[in-house]
Protein backbone atom coordinates (compact mmCIF):
# COMPACT_ATOMS: atom_id res chain seq x y z
CA MET A 1 -0.12 0.06 -0.16
CA SER A 2 0.93 3.76 -1.04
CA MET A 3 -0.24 7.23 -0.43
CA VAL A 4 1.81 9.44 -2.89
CA LEU A 5 2.07 13.23 -1.71
CA GLU A 6 2.03 15.95 -3.38
CA SER A 7 2.62 19.21 -3.66
CA ALA A 8 0.23 20.70 -5.72
CA SER A 9 -2.55 21.92 -3.52
CA SER A 10 -3.28 22.09 0.04
CA ALA A 11 -4.46 19.98 2.98
CA SER A 12 -4.81 21.92 6.33
CA THR A 13 -6.08 19.11 8.43
CA ALA A 14 -6.39 15.96 6.06
CA THR A 15 -5.39 12.21 8.31
CA PRO A 16 -4.22 10.45 5.49
CA SER A 17 -5.75 7.25 4.17
CA ILE A 18 -2.85 4.63 4.12
CA GLY A 19 -3.44 2.67 0.76
CA LYS A 20 -5.73 6.03 -0.60
CA SER A 21 -3.15 8.86 -2.65
CA ARG A 22 -3.97 11.79 -1.55
CA ALA A 23 -2.75 15.59 -2.17
CA LEU A 24 -1.11 17.01 0.13
CA GLY A 25 0.56 20.95 0.14
CA ALA A 26 2.84 23.48 1.73
CA SER A 27 2.76 26.42 3.10
CA ALA A 28 4.73 29.03 2.19
CA GLY A 29 6.33 29.99 4.97
CA GLN A 30 8.02 26.35 4.51
CA ALA A 31 8.36 27.13 1.27
CA ALA A 32 11.26 29.39 2.63
CA GLY A 33 12.52 27.53 5.19
CA ASN A 34 11.08 28.59 7.66
CA HIS A 35 9.77 25.42 9.39
CA HIS A 36 10.53 25.79 12.99
CA LEU A 37 7.82 29.15 12.45
CA GLY A 38 4.88 26.86 12.00
CA GLY A 39 3.77 25.70 8.17
CA GLU A 40 1.96 21.96 7.82
CA PHE A 41 3.50 19.12 9.46
CA LEU A 42 2.61 14.96 9.02
CA THR A 43 2.28 14.11 12.18
CA PHE A 44 3.00 10.35 13.96
CA ARG A 45 3.25 8.67 16.98
CA LEU A 46 6.93 6.84 18.32
CA GLY A 47 5.55 5.05 21.21
CA ALA A 48 3.24 7.76 23.48
CA GLU A 49 5.10 11.04 21.60
CA GLU A 50 3.86 12.39 19.00
CA TYR A 51 6.04 13.99 15.80
CA GLY A 52 5.70 16.38 13.39
CA ILE A 53 8.04 16.26 10.68
CA GLU A 54 7.15 18.88 7.39
CA ILE A 55 5.08 17.84 4.85
CA LEU A 56 7.52 19.17 1.97
CA LYS A 57 9.67 16.18 2.69
CA VAL A 58 7.63 13.59 2.31
CA GLN A 59 7.51 11.57 -1.01
CA GLU A 60 4.48 9.00 0.18
CA ILE A 61 3.48 6.80 3.30
CA ARG A 62 4.23 2.98 2.26
CA SER A 63 2.39 0.51 5.01
CA TYR A 64 5.54 -1.81 5.86
CA GLU A 65 6.98 -4.95 4.65
CA PRO A 66 10.53 -6.48 5.83
CA PRO A 67 13.04 -5.01 3.86
CA THR A 68 16.27 -7.15 3.40
CA ARG A 69 18.55 -7.27 5.98
CA ILE A 70 22.19 -5.27 5.11
CA ALA A 71 25.36 -7.13 7.77
CA ASN A 72 26.76 -5.80 10.30
CA SER A 73 24.40 -2.71 10.79
CA ALA A 74 23.19 -0.35 13.62
CA SER A 75 20.15 -2.15 15.01
CA PHE A 76 17.98 1.02 13.73
CA PHE A 77 19.01 0.13 10.23
CA LYS A 78 16.72 -2.32 9.05
CA GLY A 79 17.20 -2.61 5.67
CA VAL A 80 16.83 -2.20 2.54
CA VAL A 81 13.89 -2.10 -0.14
CA ASN A 82 12.60 -2.15 -3.52
CA LEU A 83 10.99 1.15 -4.55
CA ARG A 84 10.30 1.26 -7.97
CA GLY A 85 13.14 0.18 -8.92
CA VAL A 86 15.13 2.83 -6.46
CA ILE A 87 17.17 0.95 -3.54
CA VAL A 88 15.67 2.89 -1.02
CA PRO A 89 17.91 2.27 3.21
CA ILE A 90 14.84 2.02 5.46
CA VAL A 91 15.24 3.24 9.68
CA ASP A 92 13.82 2.08 12.46
CA LEU A 93 12.68 5.94 13.81
CA ARG A 94 11.75 3.84 17.56
CA LEU A 95 14.35 1.35 17.93
CA LYS A 96 16.71 5.04 16.66
CA PHE A 97 15.58 7.05 19.70
CA GLY A 98 15.34 4.04 21.98
CA CYS A 99 11.30 3.85 22.56
CA ASP A 100 10.26 0.53 24.57
CA SER A 101 8.77 -1.50 22.11
CA ALA A 102 8.77 -1.72 18.27
CA GLU A 103 6.45 -3.75 17.60
CA TYR A 104 5.28 -4.18 13.72
CA ASN A 105 1.10 -4.52 13.07
CA SER A 106 -0.73 -3.86 10.72
CA PHE A 107 -0.16 -0.02 11.48
CA THR A 108 3.16 0.26 11.21
CA VAL A 109 4.50 2.54 8.17
CA VAL A 110 6.98 3.86 6.57
CA ILE A 111 7.57 7.52 5.63
CA VAL A 112 9.48 7.98 2.63
CA LEU A 113 11.21 11.43 3.07
CA ASN A 114 13.34 12.62 -0.18
CA ILE A 115 16.06 14.73 1.46
CA ARG A 116 18.29 16.23 -0.13
CA GLY A 117 17.41 14.24 -3.35
CA ARG A 118 18.18 10.93 -1.62
CA VAL A 119 15.27 8.59 -0.77
CA VAL A 120 14.73 7.06 2.50
CA GLY A 121 12.43 5.51 4.28
CA ALA A 122 11.62 5.96 8.54
CA VAL A 123 9.67 3.23 9.92
CA VAL A 124 6.59 4.75 12.46
CA ASP A 125 3.99 3.39 14.45
CA SER A 126 1.47 6.13 12.69
CA VAL A 127 0.33 8.16 10.93
CA SER A 128 -1.79 10.60 12.67
CA ASP A 129 -2.32 13.83 9.88
CA VAL A 130 -1.45 16.46 8.47
CA LEU A 131 -1.65 19.65 10.44
CA GLU A 132 -0.81 23.72 9.62
CA LEU A 133 0.74 25.63 12.50
CA PRO A 134 0.86 28.94 12.03
CA GLY A 135 3.99 30.16 13.77
CA ASP A 136 2.62 31.42 17.12
CA ALA A 137 1.93 27.81 17.78
CA VAL A 138 5.04 26.81 17.83
CA ARG A 139 7.32 27.29 21.00
CA PRO A 140 10.95 26.66 21.12
CA ALA A 141 12.85 23.47 21.95
CA PRO A 142 13.15 23.01 25.69
CA GLU A 143 16.73 23.54 26.43
CA ILE A 144 17.68 20.29 28.47
CA ASN A 145 21.41 18.81 29.99
CA ALA A 146 24.00 17.66 27.44
CA ALA A 147 22.82 13.79 28.86
CA VAL A 148 20.18 14.74 26.12
CA ASP A 149 19.88 15.34 22.17
CA THR A 150 17.74 17.68 21.05
CA SER A 151 19.27 19.13 18.32
CA TYR A 152 17.23 17.93 16.13
CA ILE A 153 14.06 19.05 17.90
CA THR A 154 13.47 22.14 16.14
CA GLY A 155 10.04 23.51 18.02
CA ILE A 156 7.44 22.54 20.29
CA ALA A 157 3.48 22.83 20.03
CA ASN A 158 0.77 22.30 21.86
CA VAL A 159 -2.65 21.45 19.42
CA SER A 160 -6.19 20.86 20.97
CA ASP A 161 -4.80 18.21 24.09
CA ARG A 162 -2.04 16.86 22.88
CA MET A 163 1.63 17.87 23.01
CA LEU A 164 3.41 17.59 19.20
CA ILE A 165 7.34 17.42 18.93
CA LEU A 166 8.10 18.80 15.39
CA MET A 167 11.66 17.84 14.23
CA ASP A 168 13.77 18.60 11.69
CA ILE A 169 14.00 15.27 9.96
CA GLU A 170 17.00 16.39 7.27
CA ALA A 171 19.09 17.32 10.14
CA LEU A 172 18.45 13.42 11.36
CA MET A 173 18.70 11.45 8.42
CA SER A 174 22.26 13.52 7.60
CA SER A 175 23.97 12.99 11.25
CA ALA A 176 26.94 11.47 10.58
CA ASP A 177 25.80 8.69 12.63
CA MET A 178 22.80 7.49 10.49
CA GLY A 179 25.77 7.25 7.78
CA LEU A 180 22.87 8.10 4.92
CA ILE A 181 23.47 10.42 3.08
CA GLU A 182 26.84 13.04 3.46
CA ALA A 183 26.58 16.26 5.52
CA ALA A 184 28.40 17.87 3.37
CA MET A 185 26.05 17.97 0.81
CA GLN A 186 23.74 21.41 1.35
């Protein structure tokens, strides 16, 4: 199953339906690179927490299929899949972020990302929806001691009764410990 995302039209509060295509747009704030000031975010769950990433980085959402494992790789690197002729590395964000359990079920999906021209898959517990957040709804990431790496958190948003952690997925996937995308590529 696959849901292809296009930036041709606008969807401010749509709930993606796995298996069906739906066009999703991006705001002018994101096009200017102001991802931490608001814009449209795809929200997903990792354990009990809910995260948001810029919709412009999302290529499609697919149901989880076991990838081909690569020997001697990090535990969070699940392997590779063939996506219409493109070999795509798959990273389990639940394992990367140390979630208590990383159970594969019918809600588990792979968010296919396009990061600096490279296609990468991220396994998450489930996809929630697409939200448009005004800049004033986003607060800066909290300052936490050096024992906690918050460099990928761009902000925190309070949406209704839930807390949303906004993540710079490009910085995360480009980090040296991931080894997926050359940091020198700009």
